[in-house]
Amino acid sequence: VEGHVGRVVVGSLCGRTVLVMQGRLHYYEGYSLAEVTFGVRVTQRLGVPVLILTNAAGGLNPAFAVGDLMLITDHINLIPDNPLRGPNDERFGPRFPSPVGIYDRGLLEVARNAARASGFTCREGVYVAVQGPSYETEAEVAWLRGLGADAVGMSTVPEAIVACHGGQRVLGVSTITNVLGRRPGQVVSHEEVLAVADRAKGRLGALLKGLLARPWPSVA
């Protein structure tokens, strides 16, 4: 998929050792969720304690604006599968993990402070994951809003579920590349999504650097 080069970079940033996955696999490409989340399992075997997930998403909350960054506080999984389906590998986690508090509250507070120090405020809300690759109809947009979702995309939730299963702390950040349902007949294109994400990368970079530079609270 354009914008996902499929590269892993390991280095140091703001005094922390980081492993960056430049791009991801998507369920809509025909991969199984085990394949989609394989990279997360690799990070767990490497002992990585924190997973920071980023994505481009459509805004469902009418208060959002194009280019906003949204900290994910919870999610709704509408992908018709679960990455934990099948035999459970006890090396990673329990058969029935609880996703309550899956997005780490301590890291969310650090991210809020990092954004304010960089001169902006992040939105916050619920991210809903759908299968894709088609974008949402107007009726689906209205329905997803009714479910309580603030942003919609085609990724992130499978990775968050696997991270939670493996005991990693999770932070999720969505770049709002369009706001859905504002006018009848609104059409979304992948090119538009890429263009907005590119314009927002400065603020996203500032947020991530500010997050890495700050001390992180221990797990509550």
N, C-alpha and C. Protein backbone atom coordinates (compact mmCIF):
# COMPACT_ATOMS: atom_id res chain seq x y z
N VAL A 1 0.84 -1.18 0.00
CA VAL A 1 0.00 0.00 0.00
C VAL A 1 0.88 1.24 0.00
N GLU A 2 0.55 2.21 -0.83
CA GLU A 2 1.33 3.44 -0.88
C GLU A 2 1.35 4.10 0.50
N GLY A 3 2.55 4.52 0.92
CA GLY A 3 2.72 5.11 2.24
C GLY A 3 3.18 4.13 3.29
N HIS A 4 3.27 2.85 2.92
CA HIS A 4 3.73 1.81 3.85
C HIS A 4 4.89 1.07 3.19
N VAL A 5 6.11 1.52 3.48
CA VAL A 5 7.27 1.00 2.75
C VAL A 5 7.74 -0.34 3.28
N GLY A 6 7.31 -0.73 4.49
CA GLY A 6 7.69 -2.03 5.02
C GLY A 6 9.14 -2.12 5.43
N ARG A 7 9.55 -1.23 6.31
CA ARG A 7 10.94 -1.16 6.73
C ARG A 7 11.01 -1.05 8.25
N VAL A 8 12.02 -1.67 8.85
CA VAL A 8 12.23 -1.59 10.30
C VAL A 8 13.52 -0.82 10.55
N VAL A 9 13.44 0.20 11.39
CA VAL A 9 14.59 1.04 11.73
C VAL A 9 14.82 0.96 13.24
N VAL A 10 16.04 0.68 13.64
CA VAL A 10 16.40 0.64 15.06
C VAL A 10 17.43 1.72 15.33
N GLY A 11 17.22 2.50 16.38
CA GLY A 11 18.17 3.57 16.69
C GLY A 11 17.88 4.18 18.04
N SER A 12 18.41 5.37 18.24
CA SER A 12 18.23 6.10 19.50
C SER A 12 17.56 7.43 19.21
N LEU A 13 16.56 7.79 20.01
CA LEU A 13 15.85 9.05 19.85
C LEU A 13 15.48 9.58 21.23
N CYS A 14 15.89 10.81 21.51
CA CYS A 14 15.59 11.45 22.79
C CYS A 14 16.03 10.59 23.97
N GLY A 15 17.16 9.94 23.82
CA GLY A 15 17.72 9.16 24.90
C GLY A 15 17.13 7.78 25.10
N ARG A 16 16.23 7.37 24.21
CA ARG A 16 15.63 6.04 24.31
C ARG A 16 15.97 5.22 23.07
N THR A 17 16.14 3.93 23.26
CA THR A 17 16.30 3.02 22.13
C THR A 17 14.92 2.74 21.54
N VAL A 18 14.79 2.94 20.23
CA VAL A 18 13.50 2.77 19.58
C VAL A 18 13.62 1.79 18.42
N LEU A 19 12.55 1.05 18.19
CA LEU A 19 12.40 0.20 17.02
C LEU A 19 11.18 0.71 16.28
N VAL A 20 11.39 1.21 15.07
CA VAL A 20 10.31 1.85 14.31
C VAL A 20 9.94 0.98 13.12
N MET A 21 8.66 0.64 13.02
CA MET A 21 8.16 -0.09 11.86
C MET A 21 7.54 0.92 10.90
N GLN A 22 8.18 1.10 9.78
CA GLN A 22 7.74 2.10 8.80
C GLN A 22 6.75 1.44 7.85
N GLY A 23 5.49 1.49 8.24
CA GLY A 23 4.45 0.82 7.46
C GLY A 23 3.94 -0.41 8.18
N ARG A 24 2.79 -0.91 7.75
CA ARG A 24 2.17 -2.09 8.36
C ARG A 24 1.44 -2.88 7.29
N LEU A 25 1.11 -4.12 7.63
CA LEU A 25 0.23 -4.93 6.81
C LEU A 25 -1.21 -4.67 7.24
N HIS A 26 -2.13 -4.82 6.29
CA HIS A 26 -3.55 -4.59 6.58
C HIS A 26 -4.36 -5.85 6.30
N TYR A 27 -5.41 -6.04 7.06
CA TYR A 27 -6.31 -7.17 6.87
C TYR A 27 -6.93 -7.14 5.48
N TYR A 28 -7.25 -5.93 4.98
CA TYR A 28 -7.90 -5.83 3.67
C TYR A 28 -7.00 -6.24 2.51
N GLU A 29 -5.70 -6.33 2.75
CA GLU A 29 -4.78 -6.77 1.71
C GLU A 29 -4.81 -8.29 1.52
N GLY A 30 -5.53 -8.98 2.39
CA GLY A 30 -5.63 -10.43 2.29
C GLY A 30 -4.80 -11.18 3.30
N TYR A 31 -4.08 -10.46 4.15
CA TYR A 31 -3.29 -11.11 5.19
C TYR A 31 -4.18 -11.57 6.34
N SER A 32 -3.77 -12.64 7.01
CA SER A 32 -4.45 -13.03 8.24
C SER A 32 -4.07 -12.04 9.34
N LEU A 33 -4.86 -12.00 10.41
CA LEU A 33 -4.50 -11.10 11.51
C LEU A 33 -3.25 -11.57 12.24
N ALA A 34 -2.94 -12.86 12.16
CA ALA A 34 -1.67 -13.33 12.71
C ALA A 34 -0.50 -12.72 11.94
N GLU A 35 -0.66 -12.60 10.61
CA GLU A 35 0.39 -11.96 9.80
C GLU A 35 0.43 -10.46 10.05
N VAL A 36 -0.74 -9.84 10.16
CA VAL A 36 -0.82 -8.40 10.39
C VAL A 36 -0.10 -8.02 11.69
N THR A 37 -0.22 -8.86 12.69
CA THR A 37 0.32 -8.53 14.02
C THR A 37 1.65 -9.22 14.32
N PHE A 38 2.24 -9.86 13.33
CA PHE A 38 3.49 -10.60 13.57
C PHE A 38 4.59 -9.68 14.10
N GLY A 39 4.65 -8.46 13.58
CA GLY A 39 5.68 -7.52 14.05
C GLY A 39 5.55 -7.21 15.52
N VAL A 40 4.32 -7.16 16.03
CA VAL A 40 4.12 -6.91 17.45
C VAL A 40 4.67 -8.08 18.27
N ARG A 41 4.43 -9.29 17.80
CA ARG A 41 4.96 -10.46 18.50
C ARG A 41 6.49 -10.43 18.52
N VAL A 42 7.09 -9.99 17.43
CA VAL A 42 8.55 -9.88 17.40
C VAL A 42 9.04 -8.90 18.46
N THR A 43 8.37 -7.75 18.58
CA THR A 43 8.79 -6.78 19.60
C THR A 43 8.64 -7.35 21.01
N GLN A 44 7.64 -8.19 21.21
CA GLN A 44 7.47 -8.80 22.53
C GLN A 44 8.61 -9.76 22.84
N ARG A 45 9.02 -10.54 21.86
CA ARG A 45 10.14 -11.47 22.07
C ARG A 45 11.45 -10.71 22.28
N LEU A 46 11.51 -9.49 21.75
CA LEU A 46 12.70 -8.65 21.94
C LEU A 46 12.68 -7.91 23.28
N GLY A 47 11.56 -7.99 23.98
CA GLY A 47 11.46 -7.34 25.29
C GLY A 47 11.05 -5.89 25.24
N VAL A 48 10.42 -5.45 24.16
CA VAL A 48 9.97 -4.05 24.05
C VAL A 48 8.76 -3.85 24.96
N PRO A 49 8.82 -2.92 25.93
CA PRO A 49 7.75 -2.80 26.92
C PRO A 49 6.58 -1.91 26.50
N VAL A 50 6.82 -1.01 25.53
CA VAL A 50 5.80 -0.03 25.15
C VAL A 50 5.62 -0.05 23.64
N LEU A 51 4.37 -0.06 23.20
CA LEU A 51 4.05 -0.01 21.77
C LEU A 51 3.28 1.28 21.50
N ILE A 52 3.83 2.13 20.63
CA ILE A 52 3.16 3.36 20.21
C ILE A 52 2.64 3.14 18.80
N LEU A 53 1.32 3.18 18.63
CA LEU A 53 0.67 2.93 17.35
C LEU A 53 0.17 4.24 16.76
N THR A 54 0.44 4.46 15.48
CA THR A 54 -0.06 5.64 14.79
C THR A 54 -0.85 5.21 13.57
N ASN A 55 -1.78 6.06 13.15
CA ASN A 55 -2.58 5.76 11.96
C ASN A 55 -3.16 7.04 11.38
N ALA A 56 -3.66 6.92 10.17
CA ALA A 56 -4.48 7.96 9.55
C ALA A 56 -5.93 7.52 9.68
N ALA A 57 -6.81 8.42 10.08
CA ALA A 57 -8.20 8.03 10.35
C ALA A 57 -9.16 9.10 9.85
N GLY A 58 -10.37 8.65 9.58
CA GLY A 58 -11.44 9.58 9.24
C GLY A 58 -12.12 10.06 10.50
N GLY A 59 -12.37 11.35 10.58
CA GLY A 59 -13.03 11.91 11.75
C GLY A 59 -14.53 11.68 11.71
N LEU A 60 -15.08 11.16 12.78
CA LEU A 60 -16.52 10.99 12.93
C LEU A 60 -17.10 12.06 13.84
N ASN A 61 -16.31 12.52 14.79
CA ASN A 61 -16.74 13.57 15.71
C ASN A 61 -16.78 14.90 14.95
N PRO A 62 -17.95 15.55 14.88
CA PRO A 62 -18.05 16.80 14.11
C PRO A 62 -17.22 17.94 14.66
N ALA A 63 -16.74 17.82 15.89
CA ALA A 63 -15.89 18.87 16.46
C ALA A 63 -14.46 18.78 15.96
N PHE A 64 -14.10 17.68 15.31
CA PHE A 64 -12.74 17.50 14.83
C PHE A 64 -12.50 18.30 13.56
N ALA A 65 -11.22 18.59 13.29
CA ALA A 65 -10.81 19.29 12.07
C ALA A 65 -9.73 18.48 11.37
N VAL A 66 -9.64 18.65 10.07
CA VAL A 66 -8.60 17.98 9.30
C VAL A 66 -7.23 18.38 9.83
N GLY A 67 -6.38 17.39 10.06
CA GLY A 67 -5.04 17.64 10.59
C GLY A 67 -4.92 17.51 12.09
N ASP A 68 -6.06 17.35 12.79
CA ASP A 68 -6.01 17.13 14.24
C ASP A 68 -5.29 15.81 14.55
N LEU A 69 -4.67 15.76 15.71
CA LEU A 69 -4.16 14.50 16.26
C LEU A 69 -5.11 14.06 17.37
N MET A 70 -5.50 12.79 17.35
CA MET A 70 -6.40 12.25 18.36
C MET A 70 -5.70 11.15 19.15
N LEU A 71 -5.63 11.32 20.46
CA LEU A 71 -5.14 10.26 21.33
C LEU A 71 -6.27 9.25 21.52
N ILE A 72 -5.98 7.98 21.27
CA ILE A 72 -7.00 6.94 21.37
C ILE A 72 -7.18 6.56 22.84
N THR A 73 -8.40 6.70 23.33
CA THR A 73 -8.70 6.35 24.72
C THR A 73 -9.35 4.98 24.85
N ASP A 74 -9.93 4.49 23.76
CA ASP A 74 -10.54 3.16 23.73
C ASP A 74 -10.83 2.83 22.27
N HIS A 75 -11.26 1.59 22.03
CA HIS A 75 -11.55 1.24 20.63
C HIS A 75 -12.79 0.34 20.53
N ILE A 76 -13.30 0.26 19.31
CA ILE A 76 -14.36 -0.68 18.93
C ILE A 76 -13.81 -1.51 17.78
N ASN A 77 -13.88 -2.82 17.89
CA ASN A 77 -13.34 -3.69 16.84
C ASN A 77 -14.47 -4.21 15.97
N LEU A 78 -14.56 -3.73 14.73
CA LEU A 78 -15.54 -4.23 13.77
C LEU A 78 -14.88 -5.03 12.65
N ILE A 79 -13.58 -5.31 12.78
CA ILE A 79 -12.94 -6.23 11.86
C ILE A 79 -13.48 -7.63 12.18
N PRO A 80 -13.94 -8.39 11.18
CA PRO A 80 -14.63 -9.65 11.48
C PRO A 80 -13.69 -10.80 11.85
N ASP A 81 -12.78 -10.54 12.74
CA ASP A 81 -11.84 -11.56 13.20
C ASP A 81 -11.14 -10.99 14.43
N ASN A 82 -10.42 -11.85 15.13
CA ASN A 82 -9.64 -11.43 16.29
C ASN A 82 -8.27 -12.08 16.19
N PRO A 83 -7.20 -11.32 16.37
CA PRO A 83 -5.86 -11.90 16.21
C PRO A 83 -5.53 -12.98 17.23
N LEU A 84 -6.33 -13.10 18.29
CA LEU A 84 -6.06 -14.12 19.31
C LEU A 84 -6.85 -15.40 19.07
N ARG A 85 -7.64 -15.44 18.00
CA ARG A 85 -8.41 -16.65 17.70
C ARG A 85 -7.46 -17.79 17.36
N GLY A 86 -7.78 -18.99 17.84
CA GLY A 86 -6.93 -20.15 17.61
C GLY A 86 -6.22 -20.56 18.89
N PRO A 87 -5.31 -21.52 18.81
CA PRO A 87 -4.59 -21.97 20.01
C PRO A 87 -3.85 -20.82 20.67
N ASN A 88 -3.90 -20.78 22.00
CA ASN A 88 -3.22 -19.71 22.74
C ASN A 88 -1.79 -20.11 23.06
N ASP A 89 -0.86 -19.19 22.82
CA ASP A 89 0.54 -19.40 23.16
C ASP A 89 0.79 -18.78 24.53
N GLU A 90 0.92 -19.60 25.55
CA GLU A 90 1.05 -19.12 26.92
C GLU A 90 2.34 -18.33 27.15
N ARG A 91 3.30 -18.41 26.22
CA ARG A 91 4.51 -17.61 26.37
C ARG A 91 4.20 -16.12 26.28
N PHE A 92 3.13 -15.79 25.59
CA PHE A 92 2.79 -14.38 25.39
C PHE A 92 1.77 -13.88 26.41
N GLY A 93 0.73 -14.66 26.69
CA GLY A 93 -0.29 -14.18 27.59
C GLY A 93 -1.40 -15.18 27.79
N PRO A 94 -2.42 -14.80 28.57
CA PRO A 94 -3.50 -15.72 28.93
C PRO A 94 -4.49 -15.94 27.79
N ARG A 95 -5.28 -16.97 27.93
CA ARG A 95 -6.29 -17.30 26.92
C ARG A 95 -7.32 -16.18 26.77
N PHE A 96 -7.74 -15.59 27.87
CA PHE A 96 -8.81 -14.59 27.84
C PHE A 96 -8.32 -13.28 28.47
N PRO A 97 -7.53 -12.49 27.76
CA PRO A 97 -7.04 -11.23 28.32
C PRO A 97 -8.15 -10.18 28.39
N SER A 98 -8.08 -9.32 29.37
CA SER A 98 -9.04 -8.22 29.48
C SER A 98 -8.49 -6.98 28.78
N PRO A 99 -9.28 -6.38 27.87
CA PRO A 99 -8.83 -5.17 27.19
C PRO A 99 -9.18 -3.88 27.92
N VAL A 100 -9.74 -3.98 29.12
CA VAL A 100 -10.09 -2.76 29.87
C VAL A 100 -8.81 -1.99 30.18
N GLY A 101 -8.80 -0.72 29.83
CA GLY A 101 -7.60 0.10 30.04
C GLY A 101 -6.47 -0.22 29.09
N ILE A 102 -6.82 -0.73 27.90
CA ILE A 102 -5.80 -1.16 26.93
C ILE A 102 -4.88 -0.01 26.52
N TYR A 103 -5.41 1.22 26.47
CA TYR A 103 -4.59 2.39 26.13
C TYR A 103 -4.13 3.03 27.44
N ASP A 104 -2.86 2.95 27.69
CA ASP A 104 -2.26 3.24 28.99
C ASP A 104 -2.55 4.67 29.45
N ARG A 105 -3.18 4.81 30.59
CA ARG A 105 -3.58 6.13 31.09
C ARG A 105 -2.38 7.00 31.44
N GLY A 106 -1.33 6.38 31.97
CA GLY A 106 -0.13 7.14 32.28
C GLY A 106 0.52 7.71 31.05
N LEU A 107 0.61 6.91 29.99
CA LEU A 107 1.19 7.40 28.74
C LEU A 107 0.31 8.45 28.08
N LEU A 108 -1.00 8.31 28.22
CA LEU A 108 -1.91 9.33 27.69
C LEU A 108 -1.63 10.69 28.34
N GLU A 109 -1.41 10.70 29.64
CA GLU A 109 -1.14 11.96 30.33
C GLU A 109 0.19 12.55 29.89
N VAL A 110 1.19 11.70 29.71
CA VAL A 110 2.48 12.19 29.21
C VAL A 110 2.31 12.78 27.82
N ALA A 111 1.52 12.13 26.97
CA ALA A 111 1.28 12.63 25.62
C ALA A 111 0.55 13.97 25.64
N ARG A 112 -0.41 14.12 26.53
CA ARG A 112 -1.11 15.41 26.65
C ARG A 112 -0.12 16.52 26.99
N ASN A 113 0.74 16.25 27.94
CA ASN A 113 1.73 17.26 28.35
C ASN A 113 2.72 17.56 27.24
N ALA A 114 3.12 16.54 26.49
CA ALA A 114 4.05 16.74 25.39
C ALA A 114 3.43 17.62 24.31
N ALA A 115 2.15 17.40 24.02
CA ALA A 115 1.46 18.21 23.02
C ALA A 115 1.37 19.66 23.47
N ARG A 116 0.97 19.88 24.73
CA ARG A 116 0.85 21.25 25.23
C ARG A 116 2.19 21.97 25.19
N ALA A 117 3.25 21.26 25.52
CA ALA A 117 4.58 21.88 25.49
C ALA A 117 5.00 22.24 24.08
N SER A 118 4.43 21.57 23.09
CA SER A 118 4.74 21.87 21.68
C SER A 118 3.78 22.89 21.08
N GLY A 119 2.84 23.38 21.89
CA GLY A 119 1.97 24.46 21.44
C GLY A 119 0.65 24.05 20.83
N PHE A 120 0.23 22.82 21.06
CA PHE A 120 -1.08 22.41 20.54
C PHE A 120 -1.72 21.43 21.51
N THR A 121 -3.00 21.17 21.28
CA THR A 121 -3.75 20.24 22.11
C THR A 121 -4.25 19.09 21.26
N CYS A 122 -4.11 17.88 21.75
CA CYS A 122 -4.62 16.72 21.03
C CYS A 122 -6.10 16.51 21.34
N ARG A 123 -6.83 16.07 20.34
CA ARG A 123 -8.17 15.56 20.58
C ARG A 123 -8.04 14.21 21.28
N GLU A 124 -9.12 13.73 21.84
CA GLU A 124 -9.13 12.39 22.44
C GLU A 124 -10.44 11.71 22.07
N GLY A 125 -10.39 10.39 21.92
CA GLY A 125 -11.63 9.71 21.59
C GLY A 125 -11.48 8.24 21.29
N VAL A 126 -12.60 7.66 20.87
CA VAL A 126 -12.70 6.23 20.59
C VAL A 126 -12.47 5.99 19.10
N TYR A 127 -11.59 5.05 18.82
CA TYR A 127 -11.25 4.66 17.44
C TYR A 127 -11.99 3.37 17.10
N VAL A 128 -12.66 3.35 15.95
CA VAL A 128 -13.32 2.13 15.50
C VAL A 128 -12.57 1.58 14.29
N ALA A 129 -12.27 0.29 14.33
CA ALA A 129 -11.57 -0.37 13.23
C ALA A 129 -12.56 -1.14 12.38
N VAL A 130 -12.50 -0.91 11.06
CA VAL A 130 -13.33 -1.63 10.10
C VAL A 130 -12.43 -2.40 9.14
N GLN A 131 -13.03 -3.32 8.41
CA GLN A 131 -12.24 -4.20 7.55
C GLN A 131 -11.63 -3.48 6.36
N GLY A 132 -12.38 -2.58 5.69
CA GLY A 132 -11.90 -1.98 4.46
C GLY A 132 -11.88 -3.00 3.33
N PRO A 133 -11.35 -2.63 2.15
CA PRO A 133 -10.68 -1.37 1.84
C PRO A 133 -11.60 -0.24 1.39
N SER A 134 -12.89 -0.51 1.21
CA SER A 134 -13.78 0.58 0.80
C SER A 134 -14.00 1.52 1.97
N TYR A 135 -14.13 2.81 1.64
CA TYR A 135 -14.44 3.79 2.68
C TYR A 135 -15.91 3.68 3.07
N GLU A 136 -16.32 4.45 4.05
CA GLU A 136 -17.64 4.28 4.65
C GLU A 136 -18.72 5.00 3.84
N THR A 137 -19.91 4.40 3.80
CA THR A 137 -21.06 5.08 3.22
C THR A 137 -21.58 6.12 4.20
N GLU A 138 -22.46 6.99 3.72
CA GLU A 138 -23.04 8.00 4.61
C GLU A 138 -23.84 7.35 5.74
N ALA A 139 -24.54 6.25 5.42
CA ALA A 139 -25.30 5.55 6.45
C ALA A 139 -24.37 4.92 7.48
N GLU A 140 -23.25 4.38 7.02
CA GLU A 140 -22.28 3.78 7.94
C GLU A 140 -21.65 4.83 8.84
N VAL A 141 -21.38 6.01 8.29
CA VAL A 141 -20.84 7.10 9.10
C VAL A 141 -21.80 7.45 10.24
N ALA A 142 -23.08 7.58 9.90
CA ALA A 142 -24.08 7.90 10.93
C ALA A 142 -24.17 6.79 11.97
N TRP A 143 -24.09 5.54 11.52
CA TRP A 143 -24.16 4.40 12.44
C TRP A 143 -22.95 4.35 13.37
N LEU A 144 -21.76 4.58 12.81
CA LEU A 144 -20.55 4.54 13.62
C LEU A 144 -20.54 5.65 14.66
N ARG A 145 -21.04 6.82 14.28
CA ARG A 145 -21.18 7.89 15.27
C ARG A 145 -22.11 7.46 16.39
N GLY A 146 -23.21 6.80 16.02
CA GLY A 146 -24.16 6.34 17.02
C GLY A 146 -23.58 5.32 17.97
N LEU A 147 -22.57 4.59 17.52
CA LEU A 147 -21.90 3.62 18.39
C LEU A 147 -20.99 4.29 19.42
N GLY A 148 -20.71 5.58 19.20
CA GLY A 148 -19.84 6.29 20.12
C GLY A 148 -18.41 6.45 19.65
N ALA A 149 -18.18 6.18 18.36
CA ALA A 149 -16.82 6.31 17.82
C ALA A 149 -16.55 7.75 17.39
N ASP A 150 -15.30 8.17 17.58
CA ASP A 150 -14.87 9.51 17.19
C ASP A 150 -14.03 9.52 15.93
N ALA A 151 -13.45 8.37 15.58
CA ALA A 151 -12.62 8.26 14.38
C ALA A 151 -12.68 6.83 13.88
N VAL A 152 -12.49 6.66 12.56
CA VAL A 152 -12.59 5.34 11.95
C VAL A 152 -11.39 5.08 11.07
N GLY A 153 -10.90 3.85 11.11
CA GLY A 153 -9.78 3.46 10.26
C GLY A 153 -9.77 1.95 10.05
N MET A 154 -8.71 1.48 9.39
CA MET A 154 -8.64 0.08 8.97
C MET A 154 -7.45 -0.65 9.57
N SER A 155 -7.01 -0.22 10.74
CA SER A 155 -5.81 -0.82 11.33
C SER A 155 -5.83 -0.65 12.85
N THR A 156 -4.67 -0.81 13.46
CA THR A 156 -4.36 -0.43 14.85
C THR A 156 -4.98 -1.34 15.92
N VAL A 157 -6.26 -1.62 15.83
CA VAL A 157 -6.91 -2.42 16.86
C VAL A 157 -6.33 -3.83 16.96
N PRO A 158 -6.10 -4.54 15.85
CA PRO A 158 -5.47 -5.86 16.00
C PRO A 158 -4.12 -5.80 16.71
N GLU A 159 -3.31 -4.80 16.36
CA GLU A 159 -2.01 -4.65 17.00
C GLU A 159 -2.16 -4.34 18.49
N ALA A 160 -3.14 -3.50 18.82
CA ALA A 160 -3.36 -3.16 20.23
C ALA A 160 -3.81 -4.38 21.03
N ILE A 161 -4.66 -5.21 20.45
CA ILE A 161 -5.13 -6.42 21.13
C ILE A 161 -3.96 -7.35 21.42
N VAL A 162 -3.10 -7.55 20.43
CA VAL A 162 -1.95 -8.44 20.61
C VAL A 162 -0.97 -7.85 21.61
N ALA A 163 -0.77 -6.54 21.57
CA ALA A 163 0.11 -5.90 22.55
C ALA A 163 -0.41 -6.09 23.96
N CYS A 164 -1.71 -5.91 24.14
CA CYS A 164 -2.34 -6.11 25.45
C CYS A 164 -2.17 -7.56 25.90
N HIS A 165 -2.37 -8.49 25.01
CA HIS A 165 -2.22 -9.91 25.33
C HIS A 165 -0.81 -10.21 25.81
N GLY A 166 0.17 -9.56 25.19
CA GLY A 166 1.57 -9.80 25.54
C GLY A 166 2.11 -8.94 26.66
N GLY A 167 1.24 -8.15 27.30
CA GLY A 167 1.65 -7.38 28.46
C GLY A 167 2.35 -6.06 28.15
N GLN A 168 2.25 -5.58 26.91
CA GLN A 168 2.87 -4.30 26.57
C GLN A 168 1.94 -3.14 26.92
N ARG A 169 2.52 -2.01 27.25
CA ARG A 169 1.76 -0.77 27.42
C ARG A 169 1.54 -0.18 26.03
N VAL A 170 0.35 0.37 25.80
CA VAL A 170 -0.03 0.82 24.47
C VAL A 170 -0.44 2.29 24.49
N LEU A 171 0.05 3.03 23.50
CA LEU A 171 -0.44 4.38 23.22
C LEU A 171 -0.81 4.43 21.75
N GLY A 172 -1.97 4.99 21.44
CA GLY A 172 -2.41 5.10 20.05
C GLY A 172 -2.68 6.55 19.68
N VAL A 173 -2.24 6.94 18.48
CA VAL A 173 -2.44 8.32 17.99
C VAL A 173 -2.96 8.27 16.56
N SER A 174 -4.09 8.93 16.32
CA SER A 174 -4.66 9.02 14.98
C SER A 174 -4.47 10.42 14.42
N THR A 175 -4.03 10.49 13.16
CA THR A 175 -4.06 11.75 12.43
C THR A 175 -5.38 11.82 11.68
N ILE A 176 -6.18 12.84 11.96
CA ILE A 176 -7.49 12.97 11.32
C ILE A 176 -7.29 13.57 9.93
N THR A 177 -7.47 12.74 8.90
CA THR A 177 -7.16 13.17 7.54
C THR A 177 -8.38 13.70 6.79
N ASN A 178 -9.57 13.46 7.31
CA ASN A 178 -10.80 14.01 6.75
C ASN A 178 -11.87 13.91 7.82
N VAL A 179 -12.88 14.75 7.74
CA VAL A 179 -13.99 14.68 8.68
C VAL A 179 -15.23 14.27 7.89
N LEU A 180 -15.79 13.14 8.25
CA LEU A 180 -16.84 12.50 7.46
C LEU A 180 -18.22 13.05 7.82
N GLY A 181 -19.10 13.04 6.83
CA GLY A 181 -20.49 13.37 7.05
C GLY A 181 -20.81 14.84 7.13
N ARG A 182 -19.88 15.69 6.71
CA ARG A 182 -20.12 17.14 6.82
C ARG A 182 -20.95 17.67 5.65
N ARG A 183 -20.90 16.97 4.53
CA ARG A 183 -21.69 17.41 3.38
C ARG A 183 -22.15 16.19 2.60
N PRO A 184 -23.34 16.25 2.00
CA PRO A 184 -23.84 15.11 1.23
C PRO A 184 -22.92 14.79 0.04
N GLY A 185 -22.73 13.53 -0.21
CA GLY A 185 -21.93 13.12 -1.36
C GLY A 185 -20.44 13.29 -1.19
N GLN A 186 -19.97 13.50 0.05
CA GLN A 186 -18.54 13.68 0.29
C GLN A 186 -17.78 12.42 -0.11
N VAL A 187 -16.72 12.60 -0.90
CA VAL A 187 -15.91 11.48 -1.39
C VAL A 187 -14.52 11.58 -0.78
N VAL A 188 -14.00 10.45 -0.31
CA VAL A 188 -12.66 10.39 0.28
C VAL A 188 -11.75 9.64 -0.68
N SER A 189 -10.52 10.13 -0.84
CA SER A 189 -9.54 9.44 -1.69
C SER A 189 -8.29 9.13 -0.89
N HIS A 190 -7.57 8.08 -1.30
CA HIS A 190 -6.33 7.71 -0.62
C HIS A 190 -5.29 8.81 -0.78
N GLU A 191 -5.31 9.49 -1.93
CA GLU A 191 -4.35 10.57 -2.17
C GLU A 191 -4.57 11.72 -1.18
N GLU A 192 -5.83 12.02 -0.90
CA GLU A 192 -6.15 13.06 0.08
C GLU A 192 -5.64 12.67 1.47
N VAL A 193 -5.85 11.41 1.82
CA VAL A 193 -5.39 10.91 3.12
C VAL A 193 -3.88 11.07 3.26
N LEU A 194 -3.14 10.67 2.21
CA LEU A 194 -1.68 10.76 2.25
C LEU A 194 -1.21 12.21 2.35
N ALA A 195 -1.89 13.11 1.61
CA ALA A 195 -1.48 14.52 1.60
C ALA A 195 -1.66 15.15 2.97
N VAL A 196 -2.79 14.89 3.62
CA VAL A 196 -3.02 15.47 4.94
C VAL A 196 -2.06 14.88 5.97
N ALA A 197 -1.84 13.57 5.89
CA ALA A 197 -0.90 12.93 6.82
C ALA A 197 0.49 13.53 6.69
N ASP A 198 0.88 13.84 5.46
CA ASP A 198 2.20 14.44 5.24
C ASP A 198 2.28 15.83 5.87
N ARG A 199 1.21 16.61 5.75
CA ARG A 199 1.21 17.96 6.33
C ARG A 199 1.20 17.92 7.86
N ALA A 200 0.65 16.85 8.42
CA ALA A 200 0.54 16.76 9.88
C ALA A 200 1.76 16.12 10.53
N LYS A 201 2.72 15.67 9.73
CA LYS A 201 3.82 14.89 10.31
C LYS A 201 4.70 15.72 11.24
N GLY A 202 4.74 17.05 11.05
CA GLY A 202 5.54 17.89 11.94
C GLY A 202 5.02 17.84 13.37
N ARG A 203 3.70 17.98 13.52
CA ARG A 203 3.11 17.94 14.86
C ARG A 203 3.19 16.54 15.45
N LEU A 204 2.99 15.52 14.62
CA LEU A 204 3.11 14.16 15.12
C LEU A 204 4.53 13.88 15.59
N GLY A 205 5.51 14.34 14.83
CA GLY A 205 6.90 14.17 15.23
C GLY A 205 7.21 14.87 16.53
N ALA A 206 6.68 16.09 16.68
CA ALA A 206 6.90 16.84 17.93
C ALA A 206 6.26 16.12 19.11
N LEU A 207 5.07 15.56 18.89
CA LEU A 207 4.39 14.83 19.96
C LEU A 207 5.21 13.61 20.38
N LEU A 208 5.68 12.84 19.40
CA LEU A 208 6.41 11.62 19.72
C LEU A 208 7.75 11.93 20.39
N LYS A 209 8.45 12.96 19.91
CA LYS A 209 9.71 13.33 20.54
C LYS A 209 9.49 13.82 21.97
N GLY A 210 8.44 14.63 22.16
CA GLY A 210 8.13 15.09 23.51
C GLY A 210 7.76 13.95 24.44
N LEU A 211 7.07 12.96 23.89
CA LEU A 211 6.70 11.79 24.67
C LEU A 211 7.93 11.00 25.09
N LEU A 212 8.85 10.80 24.15
CA LEU A 212 10.05 10.02 24.43
C LEU A 212 10.99 10.74 25.40
N ALA A 213 10.98 12.07 25.36
CA ALA A 213 11.90 12.85 26.19
C ALA A 213 11.47 12.93 27.64
N ARG A 214 10.21 12.62 27.91
CA ARG A 214 9.69 12.75 29.27
C ARG A 214 9.76 11.42 30.02
N PRO A 215 9.86 11.48 31.35
CA PRO A 215 9.79 10.23 32.13
C PRO A 215 8.39 9.64 32.05
N TRP A 216 8.32 8.34 32.06
CA TRP A 216 7.04 7.64 31.99
C TRP A 216 6.67 7.09 33.36
N PRO A 217 5.43 7.29 33.78
CA PRO A 217 5.02 6.74 35.07
C PRO A 217 4.98 5.22 35.01
N SER A 218 5.16 4.60 36.15
CA SER A 218 5.07 3.14 36.21
C SER A 218 3.62 2.72 36.03
N VAL A 219 3.43 1.45 35.74
CA VAL A 219 2.07 0.94 35.54
C VAL A 219 1.31 1.05 36.85
N ALA A 220 0.08 1.58 36.75
CA ALA A 220 -0.73 1.77 37.96
C ALA A 220 -1.13 0.43 38.56
